Amino acid sequence: NATLEDSLEQFSRGVSLIKDCRLALEQGQQKVRILTSPDATDVNQKNELLPFEINEELA
């Protein structure tokens, strides 16, 4: 059986992993929005993504 301290450490790690996953998801969604936008103003002539701002609140 895990001790309370072990359980809290695992919970803390889980919360950290959730934050990492949310950030990765947000970045992936932003790339999809850019690539599927009708005017595609954020994609250059070679269909390469241009840099974009990351929402620091999710980091």
Protein backbone atom coordinates (compact mmCIF):
# COMPACT_ATOMS: atom_id res chain seq x y z
CA ASN A 1 0.00 0.00 0.00
CA ALA A 2 1.15 3.50 -0.82
CA THR A 3 1.67 5.98 1.95
CA LEU A 4 -0.10 9.32 1.97
CA GLU A 5 3.15 11.01 0.94
CA ASP A 6 3.60 8.59 -1.99
CA SER A 7 0.02 9.23 -3.07
CA LEU A 8 0.52 12.99 -2.95
CA GLU A 9 3.72 12.72 -5.00
CA GLN A 10 1.91 10.65 -7.62
CA PHE A 11 -0.98 13.11 -7.65
CA SER A 12 1.45 16.02 -8.11
CA ARG A 13 3.14 14.21 -10.99
CA GLY A 14 -0.25 13.57 -12.57
CA VAL A 15 -1.17 17.24 -12.37
CA SER A 16 2.14 18.16 -13.99
CA LEU A 17 1.57 15.63 -16.79
CA ILE A 18 -1.92 17.02 -17.39
CA LYS A 19 -0.43 20.51 -17.83
CA ASP A 20 2.14 19.16 -20.30
CA CYS A 21 -0.56 17.33 -22.25
CA ARG A 22 -2.80 20.40 -22.39
CA LEU A 23 0.07 22.48 -23.73
CA ALA A 24 0.91 19.88 -26.38
CA LEU A 25 -2.77 19.67 -27.36
CA GLU A 26 -3.07 23.45 -27.60
CA GLN A 27 0.01 23.62 -29.84
CA GLY A 28 -1.33 20.82 -32.04
CA GLN A 29 -4.73 22.49 -32.33
CA GLN A 30 -3.07 25.77 -33.28
CA LYS A 31 -1.12 24.04 -36.06
CA VAL A 32 -4.32 22.46 -37.38
CA ARG A 33 -6.10 25.86 -37.31
CA ILE A 34 -3.25 27.42 -39.25
CA LEU A 35 -3.10 24.66 -41.84
CA THR A 36 -6.86 24.54 -42.36
CA SER A 37 -7.59 28.28 -42.34
CA PRO A 38 -9.26 29.43 -45.57
CA ASP A 39 -6.78 32.24 -46.21
CA ALA A 40 -3.77 30.36 -44.77
CA THR A 41 -2.00 33.64 -44.06
CA ASP A 42 0.24 31.95 -41.50
CA VAL A 43 1.67 29.46 -44.00
CA ASN A 44 4.43 30.50 -46.37
CA GLN A 45 4.78 29.57 -50.06
CA LYS A 46 6.34 26.19 -49.23
CA ASN A 47 3.45 25.23 -46.90
CA GLU A 48 5.74 25.53 -43.89
CA LEU A 49 4.32 26.75 -40.61
CA LEU A 50 5.43 30.16 -39.46
CA PRO A 51 6.12 30.72 -35.74
CA PHE A 52 3.17 31.57 -33.51
CA GLU A 53 2.67 32.77 -29.97
CA ILE A 54 2.14 30.10 -27.30
CA ASN A 55 -0.52 30.75 -24.68
CA GLU A 56 1.69 31.05 -21.57
CA GLU A 57 -1.32 30.69 -19.25
CA LEU A 58 -1.49 27.00 -20.17
CA ALA A 59 2.20 26.41 -19.61
